[in-house]
PDB file of N, CA and C in Angstrom:
ATOM      1  N   MET A   1     190.518-100.997  60.150  1.00  0.00           N
ATOM      2  CA  MET A   1     190.233-102.118  59.292  1.00  0.00           C
ATOM      3  C   MET A   1     189.604-101.654  57.968  1.00  0.00           C
ATOM      4  N   GLU A   2     188.851-100.569  57.984  1.00  0.00           N
ATOM      5  CA  GLU A   2     188.227-100.074  56.749  1.00  0.00           C
ATOM      6  C   GLU A   2     189.276 -99.705  55.702  1.00  0.00           C
ATOM      7  N   GLU A   3     190.368 -99.086  56.134  1.00  0.00           N
ATOM      8  CA  GLU A   3     191.439 -98.742  55.189  1.00  0.00           C
ATOM      9  C   GLU A   3     192.039-100.003  54.581  1.00  0.00           C
ATOM     10  N   ASP A   4     192.176-101.038  55.388  1.00  0.00           N
ATOM     11  CA  ASP A   4     192.735-102.288  54.882  1.00  0.00           C
ATOM     12  C   ASP A   4     191.765-102.978  53.929  1.00  0.00           C
ATOM     13  N   LYS A   5     190.476-102.865  54.170  1.00  0.00           N
ATOM     14  CA  LYS A   5     189.495-103.431  53.239  1.00  0.00           C
ATOM     15  C   LYS A   5     189.568-102.709  51.892  1.00  0.00           C
ATOM     16  N   LYS A   6     189.822-101.405  51.927  1.00  0.00           N
ATOM     17  CA  LYS A   6     189.996-100.650  50.674  1.00  0.00           C
ATOM     18  C   LYS A   6     191.262-101.100  49.954  1.00  0.00           C
ATOM     19  N   ARG A   7     192.307-101.385  50.703  1.00  0.00           N
ATOM     20  CA  ARG A   7     193.546-101.916  50.100  1.00  0.00           C
ATOM     21  C   ARG A   7     193.264-103.257  49.415  1.00  0.00           C
ATOM     22  N   VAL A   8     192.483-104.092  50.073  1.00  0.00           N
ATOM     23  CA  VAL A   8     192.128-105.390  49.498  1.00  0.00           C
ATOM     24  C   VAL A   8     191.368-105.189  48.189  1.00  0.00           C
ATOM     25  N   GLU A   9     190.387-104.290  48.192  1.00  0.00           N
ATOM     26  CA  GLU A   9     189.620-104.020  46.974  1.00  0.00           C
ATOM     27  C   GLU A   9     190.538-103.580  45.840  1.00  0.00           C
ATOM     28  N   LEU A  10     191.478-102.712  46.136  1.00  0.00           N
ATOM     29  CA  LEU A  10     192.422-102.244  45.129  1.00  0.00           C
ATOM     30  C   LEU A  10     193.263-103.398  44.593  1.00  0.00           C
ATOM     31  N   LEU A  11     193.789-104.206  45.479  1.00  0.00           N
ATOM     32  CA  LEU A  11     194.682-105.285  45.076  1.00  0.00           C
ATOM     33  C   LEU A  11     193.949-106.435  44.378  1.00  0.00           C
ATOM     34  N   LEU A  12     192.666-106.597  44.657  1.00  0.00           N
ATOM     35  CA  LEU A  12     191.904-107.648  43.982  1.00  0.00           C
ATOM     36  C   LEU A  12     191.694-107.339  42.502  1.00  0.00           C
ATOM     37  N   LYS A  13     192.026-106.132  42.101  1.00  0.00           N
ATOM     38  CA  LYS A  13     191.987-105.798  40.674  1.00  0.00           C
ATOM     39  C   LYS A  13     193.146-106.468  39.934  1.00  0.00           C
ATOM     40  N   LYS A  14     194.194-106.819  40.662  1.00  0.00           N
ATOM     41  CA  LYS A  14     195.376-107.458  40.070  1.00  0.00           C
ATOM     42  C   LYS A  14     195.519-108.927  40.466  1.00  0.00           C
ATOM     43  N   PHE A  15     194.936-109.320  41.599  1.00  0.00           N
ATOM     44  CA  PHE A  15     195.105-110.667  42.136  1.00  0.00           C
ATOM     45  C   PHE A  15     193.758-111.363  42.277  1.00  0.00           C
ATOM     46  N   GLU A  16     193.757-112.673  42.072  1.00  0.00           N
ATOM     47  CA  GLU A  16     192.623-113.482  42.509  1.00  0.00           C
ATOM     48  C   GLU A  16     192.733-113.562  44.027  1.00  0.00           C
ATOM     49  N   PRO A  17     191.615-113.740  44.733  1.00  0.00           N
ATOM     50  CA  PRO A  17     191.686-113.767  46.203  1.00  0.00           C
ATOM     51  C   PRO A  17     192.700-114.764  46.764  1.00  0.00           C
ATOM     52  N   ARG A  18     192.742-115.985  46.231  1.00  0.00           N
ATOM     53  CA  ARG A  18     193.672-116.984  46.785  1.00  0.00           C
ATOM     54  C   ARG A  18     195.123-116.589  46.520  1.00  0.00           C
ATOM     55  N   ILE A  19     195.375-115.914  45.413  1.00  0.00           N
ATOM     56  CA  ILE A  19     196.731-115.487  45.091  1.00  0.00           C
ATOM     57  C   ILE A  19     197.105-114.273  45.946  1.00  0.00           C
ATOM     58  N   LEU A  20     196.152-113.397  46.202  1.00  0.00           N
ATOM     59  CA  LEU A  20     196.415-112.272  47.110  1.00  0.00           C
ATOM     60  C   LEU A  20     196.764-112.795  48.496  1.00  0.00           C
ATOM     61  N   ARG A  21     196.108-113.841  48.934  1.00  0.00           N
ATOM     62  CA  ARG A  21     196.436-114.438  50.233  1.00  0.00           C
ATOM     63  C   ARG A  21     197.876-114.932  50.258  1.00  0.00           C
ATOM     64  N   LEU A  22     198.315-115.570  49.172  1.00  0.00           N
ATOM     65  CA  LEU A  22     199.715-116.012  49.102  1.00  0.00           C
ATOM     66  C   LEU A  22     200.659-114.818  49.191  1.00  0.00           C
ATOM     67  N   ALA A  23     200.347-113.766  48.465  1.00  0.00           N
ATOM     68  CA  ALA A  23     201.202-112.573  48.474  1.00  0.00           C
ATOM     69  C   ALA A  23     201.267-111.968  49.865  1.00  0.00           C
ATOM     70  N   VAL A  24     200.113-111.845  50.506  1.00  0.00           N
ATOM     71  CA  VAL A  24     200.050-111.271  51.856  1.00  0.00           C
ATOM     72  C   VAL A  24     200.871-112.108  52.826  1.00  0.00           C
ATOM     73  N   ASN A  25     200.718-113.424  52.753  1.00  0.00           N
ATOM     74  CA  ASN A  25     201.473-114.294  53.658  1.00  0.00           C
ATOM     75  C   ASN A  25     202.967-114.199  53.406  1.00  0.00           C
ATOM     76  N   PHE A  26     203.368-114.158  52.168  1.00  0.00           N
ATOM     77  CA  PHE A  26     204.793-114.070  51.854  1.00  0.00           C
ATOM     78  C   PHE A  26     205.373-112.755  52.364  1.00  0.00           C
ATOM     79  N   VAL A  27     204.722-111.662  52.042  1.00  0.00           N
ATOM     80  CA  VAL A  27     205.240-110.346  52.431  1.00  0.00           C
ATOM     81  C   VAL A  27     205.174-110.159  53.941  1.00  0.00           C
ATOM     82  N   SER A  28     204.200-110.762  54.590  1.00  0.00           N
ATOM     83  CA  SER A  28     204.097-110.644  56.048  1.00  0.00           C
ATOM     84  C   SER A  28     205.353-111.154  56.730  1.00  0.00           C
ATOM     85  N   PHE A  29     205.952-112.185  56.158  1.00  0.00           N
ATOM     86  CA  PHE A  29     207.125-112.791  56.790  1.00  0.00           C
ATOM     87  C   PHE A  29     208.433-112.279  56.218  1.00  0.00           C
ATOM     88  N   ASP A  30     208.459-111.946  54.936  1.00  0.00           N
ATOM     89  CA  ASP A  30     209.713-111.509  54.316  1.00  0.00           C
ATOM     90  C   ASP A  30     209.763-109.999  54.094  1.00  0.00           C
ATOM     91  N   SER A  31     208.640-109.347  54.158  1.00  0.00           N
ATOM     92  CA  SER A  31     208.479-107.891  54.145  1.00  0.00           C
ATOM     93  C   SER A  31     209.095-107.164  52.953  1.00  0.00           C
ATOM     94  N   SER A  32     209.264-107.849  51.843  1.00  0.00           N
ATOM     95  CA  SER A  32     209.805-107.178  50.669  1.00  0.00           C
ATOM     96  C   SER A  32     209.213-107.781  49.401  1.00  0.00           C
ATOM     97  N   VAL A  33     208.643-106.929  48.566  1.00  0.00           N
ATOM     98  CA  VAL A  33     208.096-107.394  47.304  1.00  0.00           C
ATOM     99  C   VAL A  33     209.224-107.850  46.381  1.00  0.00           C
ATOM    100  N   SER A  34     210.355-107.170  46.417  1.00  0.00           N
ATOM    101  CA  SER A  34     211.474-107.563  45.557  1.00  0.00           C
ATOM    102  C   SER A  34     212.017-108.937  45.953  1.00  0.00           C
ATOM    103  N   GLU A  35     212.062-109.238  47.245  1.00  0.00           N
ATOM    104  CA  GLU A  35     212.484-110.568  47.685  1.00  0.00           C
ATOM    105  C   GLU A  35     211.493-111.622  47.228  1.00  0.00           C
ATOM    106  N   MET A  36     210.201-111.283  47.278  1.00  0.00           N
ATOM    107  CA  MET A  36     209.179-112.216  46.821  1.00  0.00           C
ATOM    108  C   MET A  36     209.353-112.488  45.323  1.00  0.00           C
ATOM    109  N   LYS A  37     209.574-111.444  44.534  1.00  0.00           N
ATOM    110  CA  LYS A  37     209.779-111.625  43.095  1.00  0.00           C
ATOM    111  C   LYS A  37     210.980-112.523  42.826  1.00  0.00           C
ATOM    112  N   LYS A  38     212.057-112.287  43.536  1.00  0.00           N
ATOM    113  CA  LYS A  38     213.268-113.092  43.346  1.00  0.00           C
ATOM    114  C   LYS A  38     213.009-114.551  43.700  1.00  0.00           C
ATOM    115  N   TYR A  39     212.391-114.784  44.839  1.00  0.00           N
ATOM    116  CA  TYR A  39     212.080-116.147  45.263  1.00  0.00           C
ATOM    117  C   TYR A  39     211.178-116.837  44.248  1.00  0.00           C
ATOM    118  N   LEU A  40     210.119-116.145  43.841  1.00  0.00           N
ATOM    119  CA  LEU A  40     209.168-116.743  42.901  1.00  0.00           C
ATOM    120  C   LEU A  40     209.819-117.031  41.554  1.00  0.00           C
ATOM    121  N   ASN A  41     210.669-116.140  41.108  1.00  0.00           N
ATOM    122  CA  ASN A  41     211.360-116.344  39.841  1.00  0.00           C
ATOM    123  C   ASN A  41     212.209-117.613  39.888  1.00  0.00           C
ATOM    124  N   GLU A  42     212.786-117.880  41.044  1.00  0.00           N
ATOM    125  CA  GLU A  42     213.645-119.060  41.200  1.00  0.00           C
ATOM    126  C   GLU A  42     212.851-120.356  41.388  1.00  0.00           C
ATOM    127  N   HIS A  43     211.617-120.264  41.934  1.00  0.00           N
ATOM    128  CA  HIS A  43     210.882-121.469  42.309  1.00  0.00           C
ATOM    129  C   HIS A  43     209.572-121.694  41.564  1.00  0.00           C
ATOM    130  N   MET A  44     209.178-120.801  40.702  1.00  0.00           N
ATOM    131  CA  MET A  44     207.845-120.883  40.115  1.00  0.00           C
ATOM    132  C   MET A  44     207.657-122.062  39.162  1.00  0.00           C
ATOM    133  N   LYS A  45     208.742-122.651  38.705  1.00  0.00           N
ATOM    134  CA  LYS A  45     208.628-123.774  37.773  1.00  0.00           C
ATOM    135  C   LYS A  45     207.925-124.971  38.411  1.00  0.00           C
ATOM    136  N   PHE A  46     207.920-125.041  39.712  1.00  0.00           N
ATOM    137  CA  PHE A  46     207.402-126.206  40.400  1.00  0.00           C
ATOM    138  C   PHE A  46     205.981-126.041  40.930  1.00  0.00           C
ATOM    139  N   HIS A  47     205.490-124.816  41.037  1.00  0.00           N
ATOM    140  CA  HIS A  47     204.207-124.577  41.680  1.00  0.00           C
ATOM    141  C   HIS A  47     203.337-123.634  40.841  1.00  0.00           C
ATOM    142  N   PRO A  48     202.185-124.111  40.354  1.00  0.00           N
ATOM    143  CA  PRO A  48     201.311-123.266  39.534  1.00  0.00           C
ATOM    144  C   PRO A  48     200.870-121.980  40.250  1.00  0.00           C
ATOM    145  N   ASP A  49     200.552-122.066  41.543  1.00  0.00           N
ATOM    146  CA  ASP A  49     200.138-120.865  42.281  1.00  0.00           C
ATOM    147  C   ASP A  49     201.265-119.842  42.341  1.00  0.00           C
ATOM    148  N   GLN A  50     202.491-120.319  42.483  1.00  0.00           N
ATOM    149  CA  GLN A  50     203.624-119.389  42.529  1.00  0.00           C
ATOM    150  C   GLN A  50     203.846-118.738  41.170  1.00  0.00           C
ATOM    151  N   ARG A  51     203.614-119.461  40.083  1.00  0.00           N
ATOM    152  CA  ARG A  51     203.718-118.859  38.747  1.00  0.00           C
ATOM    153  C   ARG A  51     202.678-117.761  38.588  1.00  0.00           C
ATOM    154  N   GLU A  52     201.458-118.056  39.027  1.00  0.00           N
ATOM    155  CA  GLU A  52     200.384-117.070  38.933  1.00  0.00           C
ATOM    156  C   GLU A  52     200.681-115.851  39.811  1.00  0.00           C
ATOM    157  N   LEU A  53     201.186-116.084  40.995  1.00  0.00           N
ATOM    158  CA  LEU A  53     201.551-114.981  41.885  1.00  0.00           C
ATOM    159  C   LEU A  53     202.641-114.131  41.247  1.00  0.00           C
ATOM    160  N   PHE A  54     203.650-114.757  40.683  1.00  0.00           N
ATOM    161  CA  PHE A  54     204.743-114.023  40.045  1.00  0.00           C
ATOM    162  C   PHE A  54     204.223-113.145  38.907  1.00  0.00           C
ATOM    163  N   LYS A  55     203.366-113.696  38.066  1.00  0.00           N
ATOM    164  CA  LYS A  55     202.801-112.925  36.953  1.00  0.00           C
ATOM    165  C   LYS A  55     201.980-111.740  37.473  1.00  0.00           C
ATOM    166  N   SER A  56     201.223-111.954  38.529  1.00  0.00           N
ATOM    167  CA  SER A  56     200.403-110.881  39.103  1.00  0.00           C
ATOM    168  C   SER A  56     201.253-109.793  39.734  1.00  0.00           C
ATOM    169  N   VAL A  57     202.303-110.189  40.425  1.00  0.00           N
ATOM    170  CA  VAL A  57     203.183-109.224  41.094  1.00  0.00           C
ATOM    171  C   VAL A  57     203.883-108.327  40.067  1.00  0.00           C
ATOM    172  N   LEU A  58     204.208-108.890  38.926  1.00  0.00           N
ATOM    173  CA  LEU A  58     204.870-108.088  37.890  1.00  0.00           C
ATOM    174  C   LEU A  58     203.977-106.967  37.365  1.00  0.00           C
ATOM    175  N   LEU A  59     202.673-107.099  37.533  1.00  0.00           N
ATOM    176  CA  LEU A  59     201.730-106.086  37.053  1.00  0.00           C
ATOM    177  C   LEU A  59     201.533-104.924  38.028  1.00  0.00           C
ATOM    178  N   LEU A  60     202.065-105.048  39.235  1.00  0.00           N
ATOM    179  CA  LEU A  60     201.867-104.011  40.248  1.00  0.00           C
ATOM    180  C   LEU A  60     202.732-102.792  39.965  1.00  0.00           C
ATOM    181  N   ASP A  61     202.146-101.616  40.201  1.00  0.00           N
ATOM    182  CA  ASP A  61     202.963-100.407  40.160  1.00  0.00           C
ATOM    183  C   ASP A  61     203.476-100.138  41.579  1.00  0.00           C
ATOM    184  N   GLU A  62     204.272 -99.101  41.735  1.00  0.00           N
ATOM    185  CA  GLU A  62     204.894 -98.828  43.047  1.00  0.00           C
ATOM    186  C   GLU A  62     203.866 -98.596  44.142  1.00  0.00           C
ATOM    187  N   SER A  63     202.806 -97.865  43.835  1.00  0.00           N
ATOM    188  CA  SER A  63     201.806 -97.577  44.870  1.00  0.00           C
ATOM    189  C   SER A  63     201.081 -98.859  45.275  1.00  0.00           C
ATOM    190  N   GLU A  64     200.835 -99.754  44.330  1.00  0.00           N
ATOM    191  CA  GLU A  64     200.182-101.021  44.666  1.00  0.00           C
ATOM    192  C   GLU A  64     201.119-101.914  45.474  1.00  0.00           C
ATOM    193  N   GLU A  65     202.397-101.891  45.163  1.00  0.00           N
ATOM    194  CA  GLU A  65     203.368-102.635  45.972  1.00  0.00           C
ATOM    195  C   GLU A  65     203.359-102.116  47.409  1.00  0.00           C
ATOM    196  N   SER A  66     203.314-100.803  47.550  1.00  0.00           N
ATOM    197  CA  SER A  66     203.269-100.206  48.894  1.00  0.00           C
ATOM    198  C   SER A  66     202.012-100.625  49.636  1.00  0.00           C
ATOM    199  N   GLU A  67     200.887-100.639  48.934  1.00  0.00           N
ATOM    200  CA  GLU A  67     199.630-101.051  49.556  1.00  0.00           C
ATOM    201  C   GLU A  67     199.699-102.513  49.997  1.00  0.00           C
ATOM    202  N   LEU A  68     200.324-103.357  49.198  1.00  0.00           N
ATOM    203  CA  LEU A  68     200.480-104.761  49.557  1.00  0.00           C
ATOM    204  C   LEU A  68     201.332-104.914  50.813  1.00  0.00           C
ATOM    205  N   ILE A  69     202.385-104.140  50.905  1.00  0.00           N
ATOM    206  CA  ILE A  69     203.257-104.193  52.086  1.00  0.00           C
ATOM    207  C   ILE A  69     202.510-103.736  53.333  1.00  0.00           C
ATOM    208  N   VAL A  70     201.800-102.630  53.234  1.00  0.00           N
ATOM    209  CA  VAL A  70     201.039-102.116  54.384  1.00  0.00           C
ATOM    210  C   VAL A  70     199.964-103.121  54.789  1.00  0.00           C
ATOM    211  N   LEU A  71     199.230-103.638  53.805  1.00  0.00           N
ATOM    212  CA  LEU A  71     198.189-104.615  54.102  1.00  0.00           C
ATOM    213  C   LEU A  71     198.776-105.845  54.793  1.00  0.00           C
ATOM    214  N   SER A  72     199.856-106.362  54.261  1.00  0.00           N
ATOM    215  CA  SER A  72     200.490-107.551  54.840  1.00  0.00           C
ATOM    216  C   SER A  72     200.942-107.311  56.265  1.00  0.00           C
ATOM    217  N   ASN A  73     201.586-106.177  56.480  1.00  0.00           N
ATOM    218  CA  ASN A  73     202.050-105.851  57.835  1.00  0.00           C
ATOM    219  C   ASN A  73     200.879-105.675  58.791  1.00  0.00           C
ATOM    220  N   ASN A  74     199.811-105.023  58.336  1.00  0.00           N
ATOM    221  CA  ASN A  74     198.648-104.833  59.198  1.00  0.00           C
ATOM    222  C   ASN A  74     197.982-106.159  59.544  1.00  0.00           C
ATOM    223  N   ILE A  75     197.869-107.043  58.573  1.00  0.00           N
ATOM    224  CA  ILE A  75     197.271-108.349  58.845  1.00  0.00           C
ATOM    225  C   ILE A  75     198.118-109.114  59.857  1.00  0.00           C
ATOM    226  N   ALA A  76     199.428-109.054  59.692  1.00  0.00           N
ATOM    227  CA  ALA A  76     200.323-109.771  60.610  1.00  0.00           C
ATOM    228  C   ALA A  76     200.306-109.174  62.011  1.00  0.00           C
ATOM    229  N   THR A  77     200.292-107.856  62.108  1.00  0.00           N
ATOM    230  CA  THR A  77     200.419-107.225  63.426  1.00  0.00           C
ATOM    231  C   THR A  77     199.092-106.994  64.139  1.00  0.00           C
ATOM    232  N   LYS A  78     198.019-106.836  63.388  1.00  0.00           N
ATOM    233  CA  LYS A  78     196.721-106.556  64.020  1.00  0.00           C
ATOM    234  C   LYS A  78     195.879-107.802  64.218  1.00  0.00           C
ATOM    235  N   GLY A  79     196.372-108.933  63.743  1.00  0.00           N
ATOM    236  CA  GLY A  79     195.692-110.198  63.991  1.00  0.00           C
ATOM    237  C   GLY A  79     194.369-110.360  63.274  1.00  0.00           C
ATOM    238  N   TYR A  80     194.229-109.776  62.094  1.00  0.00           N
ATOM    239  CA  TYR A  80     192.999-109.948  61.334  1.00  0.00           C
ATOM    240  C   TYR A  80     192.790-111.402  60.955  1.00  0.00           C
ATOM    241  N   ASP A  81     191.546-111.798  60.881  1.00  0.00           N
ATOM    242  CA  ASP A  81     191.185-113.103  60.343  1.00  0.00           C
ATOM    243  C   ASP A  81     191.263-112.981  58.825  1.00  0.00           C
ATOM    244  N   LEU A  82     192.103-113.762  58.200  1.00  0.00           N
ATOM    245  CA  LEU A  82     192.316-113.680  56.761  1.00  0.00           C
ATOM    246  C   LEU A  82     191.019-113.897  55.985  1.00  0.00           C
ATOM    247  N   ASP A  83     190.157-114.786  56.479  1.00  0.00           N
ATOM    248  CA  ASP A  83     188.872-115.024  55.804  1.00  0.00           C
ATOM    249  C   ASP A  83     187.982-113.790  55.841  1.00  0.00           C
ATOM    250  N   GLU A  84     188.123-112.985  56.866  1.00  0.00           N
ATOM    251  CA  GLU A  84     187.310-111.779  56.992  1.00  0.00           C
ATOM    252  C   GLU A  84     187.823-110.657  56.109  1.00  0.00           C
ATOM    253  N   ILE A  85     189.106-110.488  56.027  1.00  0.00           N
ATOM    254  CA  ILE A  85     189.670-109.370  55.283  1.00  0.00           C
ATOM    255  C   ILE A  85     189.812-109.687  53.793  1.00  0.00           C
ATOM    256  N   ILE A  86     190.105-110.959  53.437  1.00  0.00           N
ATOM    257  CA  ILE A  86     190.211-111.352  52.033  1.00  0.00           C
ATOM    258  C   ILE A  86     189.309-112.573  51.818  1.00  0.00           C
ATOM    259  N   PRO A  87     188.020-112.336  51.583  1.00  0.00           N
ATOM    260  CA  PRO A  87     187.105-113.470  51.376  1.00  0.00           C
ATOM    261  C   PRO A  87     187.419-114.197  50.073  1.00  0.00           C
ATOM    262  N   LEU A  88     187.196-115.499  50.068  1.00  0.00           N
ATOM    263  CA  LEU A  88     187.475-116.294  48.866  1.00  0.00           C
ATOM    264  C   LEU A  88     186.354-116.229  47.834  1.00  0.00           C
ATOM    265  N   ASP A  89     185.156-115.819  48.225  1.00  0.00           N
ATOM    266  CA  ASP A  89     184.076-115.746  47.239  1.00  0.00           C
ATOM    267  C   ASP A  89     183.692-114.365  46.869  1.00  0.00           C
TER     268      ASP A  89
END
């Protein structure tokens, strides 16, 4: 869990906590940052959070994308409490 907390700290430099939660949830189920970008590009006109997520995702470099994928998979498979791993405050 400590490694995942470090991933969260890294990713919070690019995402607000609530937007990181959206990214984690999306990638947990679709497992691809490129699929998330495509989906968000097609649907962001309707949802402010999705627009913000799309803008944040575009700022990620490859290593940060990898960290997001690992974090998302770990949260999904290890059953972490989202409030514990990505606090809102």
